[in-house]
N, C-alpha and C. Protein backbone atom coordinates (compact mmCIF):
# COMPACT_ATOMS: atom_id res chain seq x y z
N MET A 1 30.25 -20.16 54.18
CA MET A 1 30.52 -20.98 53.01
C MET A 1 30.95 -20.08 51.86
N ALA A 2 31.98 -20.45 51.20
CA ALA A 2 32.48 -19.70 50.05
C ALA A 2 31.99 -20.35 48.76
N VAL A 3 31.72 -19.51 47.75
CA VAL A 3 31.29 -20.01 46.45
C VAL A 3 31.98 -19.21 45.35
N VAL A 4 32.21 -19.86 44.23
CA VAL A 4 32.77 -19.18 43.07
C VAL A 4 31.60 -18.71 42.20
N ILE A 5 31.58 -17.41 41.95
CA ILE A 5 30.59 -16.83 41.04
C ILE A 5 31.37 -15.92 40.11
N GLY A 6 31.29 -16.22 38.82
CA GLY A 6 32.03 -15.42 37.85
C GLY A 6 33.52 -15.55 38.08
N ASP A 7 34.19 -14.41 38.24
CA ASP A 7 35.65 -14.43 38.40
C ASP A 7 36.09 -14.16 39.83
N CYS A 8 35.22 -14.46 40.80
CA CYS A 8 35.54 -14.22 42.22
C CYS A 8 35.05 -15.36 43.09
N VAL A 9 35.73 -15.49 44.24
CA VAL A 9 35.22 -16.33 45.31
C VAL A 9 34.49 -15.40 46.28
N HIS A 10 33.23 -15.68 46.51
CA HIS A 10 32.39 -14.87 47.39
C HIS A 10 32.34 -15.52 48.77
N PHE A 11 32.42 -14.69 49.81
CA PHE A 11 32.39 -15.19 51.18
C PHE A 11 31.86 -14.09 52.10
N LEU A 12 31.55 -14.45 53.32
CA LEU A 12 31.06 -13.50 54.31
C LEU A 12 32.05 -13.40 55.47
N VAL A 13 32.16 -12.20 56.03
CA VAL A 13 32.92 -12.02 57.27
C VAL A 13 32.05 -11.21 58.23
N GLU A 14 32.24 -11.45 59.50
CA GLU A 14 31.51 -10.67 60.50
C GLU A 14 32.28 -9.39 60.77
N PHE A 15 31.56 -8.28 60.70
CA PHE A 15 32.16 -6.97 60.96
C PHE A 15 31.07 -6.03 61.44
N GLY A 16 31.34 -5.35 62.54
CA GLY A 16 30.38 -4.40 63.07
C GLY A 16 29.07 -5.03 63.48
N GLY A 17 29.12 -6.28 63.92
CA GLY A 17 27.92 -6.98 64.35
C GLY A 17 27.06 -7.51 63.22
N LYS A 18 27.54 -7.39 61.98
CA LYS A 18 26.78 -7.89 60.83
C LYS A 18 27.68 -8.73 59.95
N MET A 19 27.05 -9.54 59.14
CA MET A 19 27.80 -10.30 58.13
C MET A 19 27.94 -9.41 56.91
N GLN A 20 29.18 -9.28 56.44
CA GLN A 20 29.48 -8.41 55.30
C GLN A 20 29.86 -9.27 54.09
N LYS A 21 29.34 -8.88 52.92
CA LYS A 21 29.66 -9.59 51.68
C LYS A 21 31.06 -9.20 51.21
N CYS A 22 31.83 -10.19 50.87
CA CYS A 22 33.20 -9.97 50.39
C CYS A 22 33.46 -10.87 49.19
N ARG A 23 34.42 -10.43 48.37
CA ARG A 23 34.85 -11.22 47.22
C ARG A 23 36.36 -11.11 47.12
N VAL A 24 36.96 -12.17 46.64
CA VAL A 24 38.38 -12.13 46.30
C VAL A 24 38.49 -12.60 44.86
N SER A 25 39.23 -11.84 44.06
CA SER A 25 39.31 -12.17 42.64
C SER A 25 40.09 -13.46 42.41
N ASP A 26 39.71 -14.14 41.33
CA ASP A 26 40.42 -15.37 40.98
C ASP A 26 41.88 -15.08 40.65
N ILE A 27 42.15 -13.94 40.06
CA ILE A 27 43.53 -13.57 39.74
C ILE A 27 44.35 -13.37 41.02
N ALA A 28 43.75 -12.74 42.03
CA ALA A 28 44.45 -12.56 43.31
C ALA A 28 44.80 -13.91 43.93
N LEU A 29 43.85 -14.84 43.88
CA LEU A 29 44.10 -16.17 44.46
C LEU A 29 45.17 -16.93 43.70
N THR A 30 45.09 -16.90 42.37
CA THR A 30 46.08 -17.66 41.60
C THR A 30 47.46 -17.02 41.69
N ASN A 31 47.51 -15.70 41.73
CA ASN A 31 48.80 -15.02 41.92
C ASN A 31 49.40 -15.37 43.28
N LYS A 32 48.55 -15.52 44.28
CA LYS A 32 49.01 -15.84 45.64
C LYS A 32 49.81 -17.13 45.67
N VAL A 33 49.39 -18.10 44.86
CA VAL A 33 50.05 -19.40 44.89
C VAL A 33 50.90 -19.68 43.64
N GLY A 34 50.97 -18.71 42.75
CA GLY A 34 51.85 -18.84 41.59
C GLY A 34 51.39 -19.80 40.50
N VAL A 35 50.06 -19.87 40.30
CA VAL A 35 49.54 -20.68 39.20
C VAL A 35 48.81 -19.78 38.21
N ARG A 36 48.60 -20.30 37.01
CA ARG A 36 47.92 -19.52 35.98
C ARG A 36 46.41 -19.67 36.13
N LYS A 37 45.72 -18.55 36.00
CA LYS A 37 44.27 -18.54 36.13
C LYS A 37 43.60 -19.53 35.18
N LYS A 38 44.05 -19.56 33.94
CA LYS A 38 43.38 -20.40 32.95
C LYS A 38 43.54 -21.89 33.23
N ASP A 39 44.50 -22.26 34.08
CA ASP A 39 44.70 -23.66 34.43
C ASP A 39 43.99 -24.07 35.72
N THR A 40 43.14 -23.18 36.24
CA THR A 40 42.55 -23.40 37.56
C THR A 40 41.03 -23.60 37.47
N THR A 41 40.53 -24.66 38.07
CA THR A 41 39.10 -24.94 38.10
C THR A 41 38.46 -24.22 39.30
N HIS A 42 37.13 -24.19 39.32
CA HIS A 42 36.43 -23.60 40.46
C HIS A 42 36.78 -24.33 41.76
N ASP A 43 36.86 -25.65 41.70
CA ASP A 43 37.22 -26.43 42.90
C ASP A 43 38.62 -26.07 43.40
N GLN A 44 39.55 -25.85 42.47
CA GLN A 44 40.91 -25.47 42.86
C GLN A 44 40.93 -24.06 43.46
N LEU A 45 40.13 -23.15 42.89
CA LEU A 45 40.04 -21.80 43.48
C LEU A 45 39.52 -21.86 44.91
N LEU A 46 38.49 -22.67 45.12
CA LEU A 46 37.95 -22.82 46.47
C LEU A 46 38.99 -23.43 47.42
N ALA A 47 39.76 -24.38 46.93
CA ALA A 47 40.81 -24.99 47.76
C ALA A 47 41.88 -23.97 48.12
N ILE A 48 42.27 -23.13 47.17
CA ILE A 48 43.24 -22.07 47.45
C ILE A 48 42.67 -21.12 48.49
N PHE A 49 41.41 -20.72 48.29
CA PHE A 49 40.75 -19.82 49.24
C PHE A 49 40.74 -20.44 50.64
N GLU A 50 40.31 -21.68 50.75
CA GLU A 50 40.22 -22.33 52.07
C GLU A 50 41.58 -22.43 52.74
N LYS A 51 42.61 -22.71 51.97
CA LYS A 51 43.96 -22.82 52.54
C LYS A 51 44.41 -21.49 53.15
N HIS A 52 44.00 -20.39 52.54
CA HIS A 52 44.43 -19.06 52.97
C HIS A 52 43.29 -18.25 53.60
N ARG A 53 42.22 -18.93 53.96
CA ARG A 53 40.99 -18.26 54.42
C ARG A 53 41.23 -17.31 55.58
N ALA A 54 41.93 -17.74 56.61
CA ALA A 54 42.14 -16.90 57.80
C ALA A 54 42.83 -15.59 57.42
N GLU A 55 43.85 -15.68 56.60
CA GLU A 55 44.57 -14.49 56.16
C GLU A 55 43.67 -13.59 55.30
N ILE A 56 42.92 -14.20 54.38
CA ILE A 56 42.03 -13.44 53.50
C ILE A 56 40.95 -12.73 54.31
N GLU A 57 40.38 -13.43 55.28
CA GLU A 57 39.35 -12.81 56.13
C GLU A 57 39.94 -11.65 56.94
N ARG A 58 41.16 -11.81 57.43
CA ARG A 58 41.81 -10.73 58.18
C ARG A 58 42.00 -9.51 57.28
N ILE A 59 42.44 -9.73 56.06
CA ILE A 59 42.63 -8.64 55.11
C ILE A 59 41.30 -7.97 54.79
N ALA A 60 40.24 -8.77 54.67
CA ALA A 60 38.91 -8.22 54.39
C ALA A 60 38.45 -7.31 55.53
N VAL A 61 38.67 -7.74 56.77
CA VAL A 61 38.27 -6.92 57.93
C VAL A 61 39.06 -5.61 57.94
N VAL A 62 40.35 -5.67 57.66
CA VAL A 62 41.15 -4.44 57.60
C VAL A 62 40.60 -3.49 56.54
N LYS A 63 40.23 -4.04 55.39
CA LYS A 63 39.67 -3.21 54.32
C LYS A 63 38.32 -2.62 54.75
N LEU A 64 37.51 -3.40 55.43
CA LEU A 64 36.23 -2.90 55.94
C LEU A 64 36.46 -1.79 56.97
N GLU A 65 37.42 -1.98 57.85
CA GLU A 65 37.73 -0.97 58.86
C GLU A 65 38.16 0.35 58.24
N SER A 66 38.78 0.28 57.08
CA SER A 66 39.25 1.50 56.43
C SER A 66 38.15 2.17 55.60
N GLY A 67 36.94 1.60 55.62
CA GLY A 67 35.81 2.23 54.96
C GLY A 67 35.60 1.85 53.52
N HIS A 68 36.32 0.85 53.03
CA HIS A 68 36.19 0.43 51.63
C HIS A 68 35.05 -0.58 51.48
N VAL A 69 33.82 -0.09 51.61
CA VAL A 69 32.66 -0.97 51.50
C VAL A 69 31.59 -0.29 50.66
N SER A 70 30.86 -1.08 49.92
CA SER A 70 29.74 -0.57 49.13
C SER A 70 28.55 -1.49 49.37
N LEU A 71 27.46 -1.21 48.71
CA LEU A 71 26.29 -2.08 48.83
C LEU A 71 26.58 -3.49 48.35
N LEU A 72 27.55 -3.60 47.47
CA LEU A 72 27.94 -4.91 46.94
C LEU A 72 29.02 -5.58 47.78
N GLY A 73 29.44 -4.94 48.86
CA GLY A 73 30.50 -5.49 49.70
C GLY A 73 31.86 -5.00 49.25
N ILE A 74 32.87 -5.79 49.53
CA ILE A 74 34.23 -5.41 49.14
C ILE A 74 34.81 -6.47 48.22
N ILE A 75 35.79 -6.06 47.46
CA ILE A 75 36.53 -7.02 46.64
C ILE A 75 38.01 -6.91 46.98
N LEU A 76 38.62 -8.06 47.19
CA LEU A 76 40.05 -8.11 47.46
C LEU A 76 40.78 -8.44 46.16
N THR A 77 41.84 -7.70 45.93
CA THR A 77 42.63 -7.84 44.70
C THR A 77 44.01 -8.40 45.03
N THR A 78 44.80 -8.61 44.01
CA THR A 78 46.19 -9.03 44.20
C THR A 78 46.92 -8.05 45.09
N GLU A 79 46.70 -6.76 44.87
CA GLU A 79 47.35 -5.73 45.69
C GLU A 79 47.01 -5.90 47.17
N ASP A 80 45.74 -6.18 47.48
CA ASP A 80 45.33 -6.39 48.88
C ASP A 80 46.04 -7.59 49.48
N LEU A 81 46.13 -8.68 48.74
CA LEU A 81 46.74 -9.90 49.28
C LEU A 81 48.26 -9.80 49.39
N ASN A 82 48.87 -8.86 48.66
CA ASN A 82 50.32 -8.73 48.70
C ASN A 82 50.81 -7.68 49.68
N ARG A 83 49.94 -7.07 50.43
CA ARG A 83 50.36 -6.05 51.40
C ARG A 83 51.05 -6.66 52.57
């Protein structure tokens, strides 16, 4: 289940036999679909996330594989989503 906390959508992905904490910034999501952040509600952010969830989770796993993880998990940015 994904939730909006602050300026990110938080979600979990399975990696290395464990669930890993991940976040994608609201700016990355709104840039992905070409809308302005200030015009977007939490429900709309979640809808954008769900529409692109498979791709976002794949990008998160690639980032985890490359070692970009901390105790707080990973954060995906506009740069990550545009690769």
